[in-house]
């Protein structure tokens, strides 16, 4: 599997961008807020030079392909599966960061998110045919995991885009930038899987397009980490707002408490009844006075 100079240069550029992103990410102490993202960056920085080195060695006509290819194969799919698992936790971190001002919704949403993740894993693993009876079945499992997490990433990005105004979430916040980047990568993976065949060479045009999207996404994350993040102000909600009622109900679920949701006085049922009775009494009094006259 030979490598040309262009793909080698793009791979080296990708590693440098990962290194720059990791340096800025850890320098700003963002790993305290996004531990799973920090783990993902460390995984990429450690595994990428190893995989590129093994890929280069197994491509050399030295007669050692039988030794280096299994090393590259098992290392690649082990990192691929570990990346899929780490991405699940990254989606959880982004979801919790977006709902941080609403503790009730965050607690209930986390429970729903975990059950959704479990259902996604079950559906993804059930789609594995298990036609490979050897160790190659690990590739099917890893692909199913990544397919499930890619769908989850796209759904998370769609949720944040639709609920940005309600959640008072800014597009400049890092949690949205992380979701945006992984959403782009997930869509890129689906598009590349649909266009490329099973044995597409590393020098095919679709591979260069795929790598270009990866480089642009890493650059996007670097810009998000470099630029100052806007301070998220405390959210003050009106007692009669819809999201306030949802947050209060979500906070009370599972605690056995009753929630008294405040309603505007002019929409209270008894007040409306009193107004109707007053109107009827006034009308009857007017009719009685007219009949007497």
C-alpha atoms as a PDB file:
ATOM      1  CA  UNK A   1       0.000   0.000   0.000  1.00  0.00           C
ATOM      2  CA  UNK A   2       2.310   2.795  -1.199  1.00  0.00           C
ATOM      3  CA  UNK A   3       2.054   6.349   0.030  1.00  0.00           C
ATOM      4  CA  UNK A   4       2.632   9.367  -2.164  1.00  0.00           C
ATOM      5  CA  UNK A   5       4.172  12.629  -1.084  1.00  0.00           C
ATOM      6  CA  UNK A   6       0.873  14.601  -1.008  1.00  0.00           C
ATOM      7  CA  UNK A   7      -0.871  12.207   1.384  1.00  0.00           C
ATOM      8  CA  UNK A   8       2.240  11.993   3.556  1.00  0.00           C
ATOM      9  CA  UNK A   9       2.394  15.793   3.750  1.00  0.00           C
ATOM     10  CA  UNK A  10      -1.293  16.026   4.666  1.00  0.00           C
ATOM     11  CA  UNK A  11      -0.868  13.365   7.368  1.00  0.00           C
ATOM     12  CA  UNK A  12       2.128  15.210   8.812  1.00  0.00           C
ATOM     13  CA  UNK A  13       0.124  18.461   8.748  1.00  0.00           C
ATOM     14  CA  UNK A  14      -2.730  16.745  10.552  1.00  0.00           C
ATOM     15  CA  UNK A  15      -0.397  15.571  13.316  1.00  0.00           C
ATOM     16  CA  UNK A  16       1.034  19.072  13.705  1.00  0.00           C
ATOM     17  CA  UNK A  17      -2.467  20.538  13.936  1.00  0.00           C
ATOM     18  CA  UNK A  18      -3.422  17.964  16.565  1.00  0.00           C
ATOM     19  CA  UNK A  19      -0.295  18.924  18.504  1.00  0.00           C
ATOM     20  CA  UNK A  20      -1.099  22.650  18.304  1.00  0.00           C
ATOM     21  CA  UNK A  21      -4.701  22.013  19.341  1.00  0.00           C
ATOM     22  CA  UNK A  22      -3.612  19.857  22.264  1.00  0.00           C
ATOM     23  CA  UNK A  23      -1.091  22.470  23.417  1.00  0.00           C
ATOM     24  CA  UNK A  24      -3.677  25.275  23.392  1.00  0.00           C
ATOM     25  CA  UNK A  25      -6.332  23.035  24.927  1.00  0.00           C
ATOM     26  CA  UNK A  26      -4.161  22.010  27.867  1.00  0.00           C
ATOM     27  CA  UNK A  27      -2.571  25.443  28.255  1.00  0.00           C
ATOM     28  CA  UNK A  28      -6.002  26.959  28.832  1.00  0.00           C
ATOM     29  CA  UNK A  29      -6.757  24.185  31.339  1.00  0.00           C
ATOM     30  CA  UNK A  30      -9.822  23.076  29.367  1.00  0.00           C
ATOM     31  CA  UNK A  31      -9.263  19.462  30.391  1.00  0.00           C
ATOM     32  CA  UNK A  32     -10.980  20.242  33.696  1.00  0.00           C
ATOM     33  CA  UNK A  33     -14.225  20.903  31.831  1.00  0.00           C
ATOM     34  CA  UNK A  34     -13.815  18.435  28.982  1.00  0.00           C
ATOM     35  CA  UNK A  35     -11.942  15.392  30.260  1.00  0.00           C
ATOM     36  CA  UNK A  36     -13.176  13.081  27.527  1.00  0.00           C
ATOM     37  CA  UNK A  37     -12.051  15.559  24.867  1.00  0.00           C
ATOM     38  CA  UNK A  38      -8.649  15.717  26.554  1.00  0.00           C
ATOM     39  CA  UNK A  39      -8.442  11.915  26.451  1.00  0.00           C
ATOM     40  CA  UNK A  40      -9.374  11.950  22.770  1.00  0.00           C
ATOM     41  CA  UNK A  41      -6.635  14.478  21.973  1.00  0.00           C
ATOM     42  CA  UNK A  42      -4.066  12.421  23.882  1.00  0.00           C
ATOM     43  CA  UNK A  43      -5.167   9.294  22.032  1.00  0.00           C
ATOM     44  CA  UNK A  44      -4.736  11.012  18.667  1.00  0.00           C
ATOM     45  CA  UNK A  45      -1.334  12.460  19.531  1.00  0.00           C
ATOM     46  CA  UNK A  46       0.040   9.160  20.813  1.00  0.00           C
ATOM     47  CA  UNK A  47      -1.430   6.834  18.205  1.00  0.00           C
ATOM     48  CA  UNK A  48      -0.987   8.867  15.021  1.00  0.00           C
ATOM     49  CA  UNK A  49       2.835   8.765  14.742  1.00  0.00           C
ATOM     50  CA  UNK A  50       2.829   5.080  15.678  1.00  0.00           C
ATOM     51  CA  UNK A  51       0.249   4.201  13.038  1.00  0.00           C
ATOM     52  CA  UNK A  52       1.949   6.310  10.373  1.00  0.00           C
ATOM     53  CA  UNK A  53       5.280   4.665  11.159  1.00  0.00           C
ATOM     54  CA  UNK A  54       3.830   1.155  10.958  1.00  0.00           C
ATOM     55  CA  UNK A  55       2.008   2.032   7.732  1.00  0.00           C
ATOM     56  CA  UNK A  56       5.238   3.295   6.208  1.00  0.00           C
ATOM     57  CA  UNK A  57       7.215   0.214   7.291  1.00  0.00           C
ATOM     58  CA  UNK A  58       4.685  -2.294   6.023  1.00  0.00           C
ATOM     59  CA  UNK A  59       4.614  -0.493   2.653  1.00  0.00           C
ATOM     60  CA  UNK A  60       8.367  -0.854   2.116  1.00  0.00           C
ATOM     61  CA  UNK A  61       9.564  -3.678  -0.183  1.00  0.00           C
ATOM     62  CA  UNK A  62      11.899  -5.144   2.437  1.00  0.00           C
ATOM     63  CA  UNK A  63      10.167  -8.475   2.877  1.00  0.00           C
ATOM     64  CA  UNK A  64       8.902  -7.638   6.381  1.00  0.00           C
ATOM     65  CA  UNK A  65       5.277  -6.919   5.383  1.00  0.00           C
ATOM     66  CA  UNK A  66       4.137 -10.120   7.081  1.00  0.00           C
ATOM     67  CA  UNK A  67       5.486  -8.761  10.377  1.00  0.00           C
ATOM     68  CA  UNK A  68       4.476  -5.098  10.211  1.00  0.00           C
ATOM     69  CA  UNK A  69       1.041  -5.465   8.638  1.00  0.00           C
ATOM     70  CA  UNK A  70      -0.526  -7.359  11.615  1.00  0.00           C
ATOM     71  CA  UNK A  71       0.953  -4.771  13.978  1.00  0.00           C
ATOM     72  CA  UNK A  72      -0.584  -1.967  11.964  1.00  0.00           C
ATOM     73  CA  UNK A  73      -3.902  -3.791  11.558  1.00  0.00           C
ATOM     74  CA  UNK A  74      -4.462  -4.549  15.244  1.00  0.00           C
ATOM     75  CA  UNK A  75      -3.156  -1.153  16.380  1.00  0.00           C
ATOM     76  CA  UNK A  76      -5.385   0.721  13.935  1.00  0.00           C
ATOM     77  CA  UNK A  77      -8.595  -1.063  14.889  1.00  0.00           C
ATOM     78  CA  UNK A  78      -7.801  -0.894  18.602  1.00  0.00           C
ATOM     79  CA  UNK A  79      -7.391   2.892  18.340  1.00  0.00           C
ATOM     80  CA  UNK A  80     -10.512   3.105  16.163  1.00  0.00           C
ATOM     81  CA  UNK A  81     -12.631   1.288  18.765  1.00  0.00           C
ATOM     82  CA  UNK A  82     -11.157   3.316  21.633  1.00  0.00           C
ATOM     83  CA  UNK A  83     -11.927   6.520  19.720  1.00  0.00           C
ATOM     84  CA  UNK A  84     -15.564   5.450  19.271  1.00  0.00           C
ATOM     85  CA  UNK A  85     -15.952   4.818  23.003  1.00  0.00           C
ATOM     86  CA  UNK A  86     -14.293   8.148  23.851  1.00  0.00           C
ATOM     87  CA  UNK A  87     -16.624   9.989  21.469  1.00  0.00           C
ATOM     88  CA  UNK A  88     -19.643   8.733  23.403  1.00  0.00           C
ATOM     89  CA  UNK A  89     -18.299  10.419  26.533  1.00  0.00           C
ATOM     90  CA  UNK A  90     -17.477  13.593  24.585  1.00  0.00           C
ATOM     91  CA  UNK A  91     -21.109  13.810  23.426  1.00  0.00           C
ATOM     92  CA  UNK A  92     -22.178  13.436  27.058  1.00  0.00           C
ATOM     93  CA  UNK A  93     -19.836  16.259  28.124  1.00  0.00           C
ATOM     94  CA  UNK A  94     -21.096  18.611  25.422  1.00  0.00           C
ATOM     95  CA  UNK A  95     -24.715  17.815  26.279  1.00  0.00           C
ATOM     96  CA  UNK A  96     -24.174  18.502  29.975  1.00  0.00           C
ATOM     97  CA  UNK A  97     -22.230  21.714  29.249  1.00  0.00           C
ATOM     98  CA  UNK A  98     -25.069  23.030  27.070  1.00  0.00           C
ATOM     99  CA  UNK A  99     -27.669  22.354  29.797  1.00  0.00           C
ATOM    100  CA  UNK A 100     -25.490  23.536  32.689  1.00  0.00           C
ATOM    101  CA  UNK A 101     -27.709  26.572  33.573  1.00  0.00           C
ATOM    102  CA  UNK A 102     -30.724  24.252  33.888  1.00  0.00           C
ATOM    103  CA  UNK A 103     -29.853  21.630  36.533  1.00  0.00           C
ATOM    104  CA  UNK A 104     -33.257  19.953  36.392  1.00  0.00           C
ATOM    105  CA  UNK A 105     -33.211  19.514  32.636  1.00  0.00           C
ATOM    106  CA  UNK A 106     -29.550  18.509  32.755  1.00  0.00           C
ATOM    107  CA  UNK A 107     -30.233  15.723  35.265  1.00  0.00           C
ATOM    108  CA  UNK A 108     -33.243  14.379  33.391  1.00  0.00           C
ATOM    109  CA  UNK A 109     -31.572  14.878  30.015  1.00  0.00           C
ATOM    110  CA  UNK A 110     -28.488  12.960  31.165  1.00  0.00           C
ATOM    111  CA  UNK A 111     -30.633   9.970  32.082  1.00  0.00           C
ATOM    112  CA  UNK A 112     -32.430  10.109  28.730  1.00  0.00           C
ATOM    113  CA  UNK A 113     -29.105  10.567  26.925  1.00  0.00           C
ATOM    114  CA  UNK A 114     -27.651   7.458  28.568  1.00  0.00           C
ATOM    115  CA  UNK A 115     -30.664   5.342  27.638  1.00  0.00           C
ATOM    116  CA  UNK A 116     -30.516   6.711  24.091  1.00  0.00           C
ATOM    117  CA  UNK A 117     -26.839   5.815  23.911  1.00  0.00           C
ATOM    118  CA  UNK A 118     -27.571   2.294  25.155  1.00  0.00           C
ATOM    119  CA  UNK A 119     -30.333   1.870  22.580  1.00  0.00           C
ATOM    120  CA  UNK A 120     -28.020   3.167  19.862  1.00  0.00           C
ATOM    121  CA  UNK A 121     -25.330   0.689  20.871  1.00  0.00           C
ATOM    122  CA  UNK A 122     -27.792  -2.211  20.881  1.00  0.00           C
ATOM    123  CA  UNK A 123     -29.128  -1.274  17.452  1.00  0.00           C
ATOM    124  CA  UNK A 124     -25.624  -0.761  16.087  1.00  0.00           C
ATOM    125  CA  UNK A 125     -24.249  -4.046  17.410  1.00  0.00           C
ATOM    126  CA  UNK A 126     -27.346  -5.955  16.313  1.00  0.00           C
ATOM    127  CA  UNK A 127     -26.622  -4.860  12.748  1.00  0.00           C
ATOM    128  CA  UNK A 128     -23.268  -6.658  12.820  1.00  0.00           C
ATOM    129  CA  UNK A 129     -23.541  -9.745  10.659  1.00  0.00           C
ATOM    130  CA  UNK A 130     -20.722 -11.605  12.453  1.00  0.00           C
ATOM    131  CA  UNK A 131     -19.870 -13.300   9.166  1.00  0.00           C
ATOM    132  CA  UNK A 132     -16.203 -13.166  10.148  1.00  0.00           C
ATOM    133  CA  UNK A 133     -15.505 -15.995  12.542  1.00  0.00           C
ATOM    134  CA  UNK A 134     -11.919 -14.954  13.075  1.00  0.00           C
ATOM    135  CA  UNK A 135     -10.400 -11.897  14.706  1.00  0.00           C
ATOM    136  CA  UNK A 136     -11.746  -9.853  11.780  1.00  0.00           C
ATOM    137  CA  UNK A 137     -15.049  -9.650  13.640  1.00  0.00           C
ATOM    138  CA  UNK A 138     -13.419  -6.882  15.705  1.00  0.00           C
ATOM    139  CA  UNK A 139     -13.500  -4.650  12.628  1.00  0.00           C
ATOM    140  CA  UNK A 140     -17.259  -5.145  12.289  1.00  0.00           C
ATOM    141  CA  UNK A 141     -17.799  -4.305  15.970  1.00  0.00           C
ATOM    142  CA  UNK A 142     -15.590  -1.209  15.756  1.00  0.00           C
ATOM    143  CA  UNK A 143     -17.390   0.003  12.630  1.00  0.00           C
ATOM    144  CA  UNK A 144     -20.781  -0.526  14.285  1.00  0.00           C
ATOM    145  CA  UNK A 145     -19.671   1.465  17.337  1.00  0.00           C
ATOM    146  CA  UNK A 146     -18.378   4.324  15.199  1.00  0.00           C
ATOM    147  CA  UNK A 147     -21.549   4.326  13.093  1.00  0.00           C
ATOM    148  CA  UNK A 148     -23.676   4.617  16.239  1.00  0.00           C
ATOM    149  CA  UNK A 149     -21.603   7.430  17.708  1.00  0.00           C
ATOM    150  CA  UNK A 150     -21.587   9.286  14.372  1.00  0.00           C
ATOM    151  CA  UNK A 151     -25.395   9.302  14.337  1.00  0.00           C
ATOM    152  CA  UNK A 152     -25.332  10.502  17.942  1.00  0.00           C
ATOM    153  CA  UNK A 153     -22.951  13.347  17.035  1.00  0.00           C
ATOM    154  CA  UNK A 154     -25.180  14.559  14.214  1.00  0.00           C
ATOM    155  CA  UNK A 155     -28.276  14.392  16.435  1.00  0.00           C
ATOM    156  CA  UNK A 156     -26.473  16.320  19.188  1.00  0.00           C
ATOM    157  CA  UNK A 157     -25.450  19.060  16.756  1.00  0.00           C
ATOM    158  CA  UNK A 158     -29.009  19.290  15.415  1.00  0.00           C
ATOM    159  CA  UNK A 159     -30.345  19.552  18.984  1.00  0.00           C
ATOM    160  CA  UNK A 160     -27.973  22.386  19.875  1.00  0.00           C
ATOM    161  CA  UNK A 161     -28.749  24.286  16.661  1.00  0.00           C
ATOM    162  CA  UNK A 162     -32.504  24.024  17.212  1.00  0.00           C
ATOM    163  CA  UNK A 163     -32.392  24.917  20.920  1.00  0.00           C
ATOM    164  CA  UNK A 164     -29.689  27.603  20.967  1.00  0.00           C
ATOM    165  CA  UNK A 165     -32.107  30.449  21.688  1.00  0.00           C
ATOM    166  CA  UNK A 166     -34.023  28.553  24.357  1.00  0.00           C
ATOM    167  CA  UNK A 167     -30.812  27.429  26.084  1.00  0.00           C
ATOM    168  CA  UNK A 168     -29.207  30.905  25.769  1.00  0.00           C
ATOM    169  CA  UNK A 169     -26.247  29.181  24.085  1.00  0.00           C
ATOM    170  CA  UNK A 170     -23.795  31.192  22.016  1.00  0.00           C
ATOM    171  CA  UNK A 171     -22.254  29.832  18.825  1.00  0.00           C
ATOM    172  CA  UNK A 172     -18.871  31.021  20.123  1.00  0.00           C
ATOM    173  CA  UNK A 173     -18.883  28.700  23.137  1.00  0.00           C
ATOM    174  CA  UNK A 174     -16.456  25.807  23.065  1.00  0.00           C
ATOM    175  CA  UNK A 175     -19.122  23.179  23.727  1.00  0.00           C
ATOM    176  CA  UNK A 176     -20.908  24.219  20.535  1.00  0.00           C
ATOM    177  CA  UNK A 177     -17.610  24.291  18.632  1.00  0.00           C
ATOM    178  CA  UNK A 178     -16.810  20.737  19.747  1.00  0.00           C
ATOM    179  CA  UNK A 179     -20.267  19.541  18.675  1.00  0.00           C
ATOM    180  CA  UNK A 180     -19.964  21.385  15.367  1.00  0.00           C
ATOM    181  CA  UNK A 181     -16.584  19.820  14.601  1.00  0.00           C
ATOM    182  CA  UNK A 182     -17.637  16.276  15.392  1.00  0.00           C
ATOM    183  CA  UNK A 183     -20.871  16.759  13.473  1.00  0.00           C
ATOM    184  CA  UNK A 184     -18.863  17.787  10.408  1.00  0.00           C
ATOM    185  CA  UNK A 185     -16.534  14.807  10.814  1.00  0.00           C
ATOM    186  CA  UNK A 186     -19.475  12.410  11.205  1.00  0.00           C
ATOM    187  CA  UNK A 187     -21.156  13.737   8.056  1.00  0.00           C
ATOM    188  CA  UNK A 188     -17.818  13.534   6.248  1.00  0.00           C
ATOM    189  CA  UNK A 189     -17.372   9.893   7.299  1.00  0.00           C
ATOM    190  CA  UNK A 190     -20.842   8.960   6.081  1.00  0.00           C
ATOM    191  CA  UNK A 191     -20.248  10.704   2.761  1.00  0.00           C
ATOM    192  CA  UNK A 192     -16.848   9.091   2.305  1.00  0.00           C
ATOM    193  CA  UNK A 193     -18.228   5.637   3.166  1.00  0.00           C
ATOM    194  CA  UNK A 194     -20.965   6.083   0.569  1.00  0.00           C
ATOM    195  CA  UNK A 195     -18.593   7.213  -2.185  1.00  0.00           C
ATOM    196  CA  UNK A 196     -15.535   5.031  -1.674  1.00  0.00           C
ATOM    197  CA  UNK A 197     -15.370   1.295  -2.239  1.00  0.00           C
ATOM    198  CA  UNK A 198     -14.104  -1.245   0.258  1.00  0.00           C
ATOM    199  CA  UNK A 199     -10.605  -1.335  -1.260  1.00  0.00           C
ATOM    200  CA  UNK A 200     -10.111   2.324  -2.161  1.00  0.00           C
ATOM    201  CA  UNK A 201      -6.437   3.275  -2.333  1.00  0.00           C
ATOM    202  CA  UNK A 202      -4.998   5.889  -0.014  1.00  0.00           C
ATOM    203  CA  UNK A 203      -4.146   8.011  -3.060  1.00  0.00           C
ATOM    204  CA  UNK A 204      -7.747   8.180  -4.355  1.00  0.00           C
ATOM    205  CA  UNK A 205      -9.275  11.696  -4.702  1.00  0.00           C
ATOM    206  CA  UNK A 206     -11.959  10.898  -2.111  1.00  0.00           C
ATOM    207  CA  UNK A 207      -9.187  10.238   0.426  1.00  0.00           C
ATOM    208  CA  UNK A 208      -7.728  13.707  -0.166  1.00  0.00           C
ATOM    209  CA  UNK A 209     -11.173  15.293   0.204  1.00  0.00           C
ATOM    210  CA  UNK A 210     -11.723  13.386   3.433  1.00  0.00           C
ATOM    211  CA  UNK A 211      -8.345  14.461   4.792  1.00  0.00           C
ATOM    212  CA  UNK A 212      -8.988  18.091   3.803  1.00  0.00           C
ATOM    213  CA  UNK A 213     -12.218  18.110   5.849  1.00  0.00           C
ATOM    214  CA  UNK A 214     -10.333  16.661   8.827  1.00  0.00           C
ATOM    215  CA  UNK A 215      -7.678  19.383   8.588  1.00  0.00           C
ATOM    216  CA  UNK A 216     -10.335  22.105   8.350  1.00  0.00           C
ATOM    217  CA  UNK A 217     -12.138  20.708  11.404  1.00  0.00           C
ATOM    218  CA  UNK A 218      -8.983  20.645  13.504  1.00  0.00           C
ATOM    219  CA  UNK A 219      -8.339  24.232  12.434  1.00  0.00           C
ATOM    220  CA  UNK A 220     -11.868  25.131  13.509  1.00  0.00           C
ATOM    221  CA  UNK A 221     -11.301  23.632  16.961  1.00  0.00           C
ATOM    222  CA  UNK A 222      -7.977  25.461  17.233  1.00  0.00           C
ATOM    223  CA  UNK A 223      -9.744  28.757  16.498  1.00  0.00           C
ATOM    224  CA  UNK A 224     -12.400  28.019  19.135  1.00  0.00           C
ATOM    225  CA  UNK A 225      -9.734  27.285  21.741  1.00  0.00           C
ATOM    226  CA  UNK A 226      -7.612  30.296  20.784  1.00  0.00           C
ATOM    227  CA  UNK A 227     -10.329  32.950  20.699  1.00  0.00           C
ATOM    228  CA  UNK A 228     -11.704  34.146  24.056  1.00  0.00           C
ATOM    229  CA  UNK A 229     -14.849  32.325  25.029  1.00  0.00           C
ATOM    230  CA  UNK A 230     -17.808  34.560  25.948  1.00  0.00           C
ATOM    231  CA  UNK A 231     -18.735  34.490  29.607  1.00  0.00           C
ATOM    232  CA  UNK A 232     -21.984  32.643  30.054  1.00  0.00           C
ATOM    233  CA  UNK A 233     -24.144  34.817  32.265  1.00  0.00           C
ATOM    234  CA  UNK A 234     -26.539  33.314  34.800  1.00  0.00           C
ATOM    235  CA  UNK A 235     -29.903  32.646  33.225  1.00  0.00           C
ATOM    236  CA  UNK A 236     -32.833  34.401  34.887  1.00  0.00           C
ATOM    237  CA  UNK A 237     -36.174  32.951  33.832  1.00  0.00           C
ATOM    238  CA  UNK A 238     -39.635  34.300  34.365  1.00  0.00           C
ATOM    239  CA  UNK A 239     -41.773  32.057  36.609  1.00  0.00           C
ATOM    240  CA  UNK A 240     -44.376  31.724  33.856  1.00  0.00           C
ATOM    241  CA  UNK A 241     -41.894  30.780  31.089  1.00  0.00           C
ATOM    242  CA  UNK A 242     -42.155  27.353  29.513  1.00  0.00           C
ATOM    243  CA  UNK A 243     -38.517  26.355  30.042  1.00  0.00           C
ATOM    244  CA  UNK A 244     -38.781  27.376  33.716  1.00  0.00           C
ATOM    245  CA  UNK A 245     -41.708  25.002  34.204  1.00  0.00           C
ATOM    246  CA  UNK A 246     -39.887  22.216  32.373  1.00  0.00           C
ATOM    247  CA  UNK A 247     -36.796  22.727  34.502  1.00  0.00           C
ATOM    248  CA  UNK A 248     -38.821  22.658  37.738  1.00  0.00           C
ATOM    249  CA  UNK A 249     -40.734  19.534  36.706  1.00  0.00           C
ATOM    250  CA  UNK A 250     -37.540  17.795  35.586  1.00  0.00           C
ATOM    251  CA  UNK A 251     -35.847  18.686  38.888  1.00  0.00           C
ATOM    252  CA  UNK A 252     -38.747  17.197  40.862  1.00  0.00           C
ATOM    253  CA  UNK A 253     -39.002  13.939  38.920  1.00  0.00           C
ATOM    254  CA  UNK A 254     -37.748  11.015  40.928  1.00  0.00           C
ATOM    255  CA  UNK A 255     -37.754  12.906  44.246  1.00  0.00           C
ATOM    256  CA  UNK A 256     -41.386  12.377  45.179  1.00  0.00           C
ATOM    257  CA  UNK A 257     -42.058  16.097  45.474  1.00  0.00           C
ATOM    258  CA  UNK A 258     -44.934  18.083  44.103  1.00  0.00           C
ATOM    259  CA  UNK A 259     -44.223  20.999  41.872  1.00  0.00           C
ATOM    260  CA  UNK A 260     -46.284  24.147  42.209  1.00  0.00           C
ATOM    261  CA  UNK A 261     -45.939  25.925  38.894  1.00  0.00           C
ATOM    262  CA  UNK A 262     -46.843  29.577  39.066  1.00  0.00           C
ATOM    263  CA  UNK A 263     -49.473  30.764  36.632  1.00  0.00           C
ATOM    264  CA  UNK A 264     -50.418  34.316  35.698  1.00  0.00           C
ATOM    265  CA  UNK A 265     -53.314  35.619  37.790  1.00  0.00           C
ATOM    266  CA  UNK A 266     -55.411  36.506  34.759  1.00  0.00           C
ATOM    267  CA  UNK A 267     -55.355  32.909  33.528  1.00  0.00           C
ATOM    268  CA  UNK A 268     -56.397  31.291  36.793  1.00  0.00           C
ATOM    269  CA  UNK A 269     -59.550  29.221  36.426  1.00  0.00           C
ATOM    270  CA  UNK A 270     -61.408  30.578  39.478  1.00  0.00           C
ATOM    271  CA  UNK A 271     -60.703  34.150  38.434  1.00  0.00           C
ATOM    272  CA  UNK A 272     -62.264  33.481  35.059  1.00  0.00           C
ATOM    273  CA  UNK A 273     -65.326  31.947  36.735  1.00  0.00           C
ATOM    274  CA  UNK A 274     -65.698  34.962  39.000  1.00  0.00           C
ATOM    275  CA  UNK A 275     -65.579  37.297  36.014  1.00  0.00           C
ATOM    276  CA  UNK A 276     -68.286  35.328  34.226  1.00  0.00           C
ATOM    277  CA  UNK A 277     -70.508  35.353  37.326  1.00  0.00           C
ATOM    278  CA  UNK A 278     -70.047  39.110  37.741  1.00  0.00           C
ATOM    279  CA  UNK A 279     -71.018  39.698  34.134  1.00  0.00           C
ATOM    280  CA  UNK A 280     -74.161  37.550  34.511  1.00  0.00           C
ATOM    281  CA  UNK A 281     -75.200  39.329  37.731  1.00  0.00           C
ATOM    282  CA  UNK A 282     -74.626  42.756  36.190  1.00  0.00           C
ATOM    283  CA  UNK A 283     -76.657  41.858  33.139  1.00  0.00           C
ATOM    284  CA  UNK A 284     -79.533  40.476  35.256  1.00  0.00           C
ATOM    285  CA  UNK A 285     -79.580  43.630  37.408  1.00  0.00           C
ATOM    286  CA  UNK A 286     -79.760  45.804  34.302  1.00  0.00           C
ATOM    287  CA  UNK A 287     -82.606  43.757  32.883  1.00  0.00           C
ATOM    288  CA  UNK A 288     -84.496  43.959  36.231  1.00  0.00           C
ATOM    289  CA  UNK A 289     -84.138  47.728  36.429  1.00  0.00           C
ATOM    290  CA  UNK A 290     -85.357  48.092  32.827  1.00  0.00           C
ATOM    291  CA  UNK A 291     -88.462  45.933  33.526  1.00  0.00           C
ATOM    292  CA  UNK A 292     -89.364  48.020  36.600  1.00  0.00           C
ATOM    293  CA  UNK A 293     -89.112  51.235  34.650  1.00  0.00           C
END
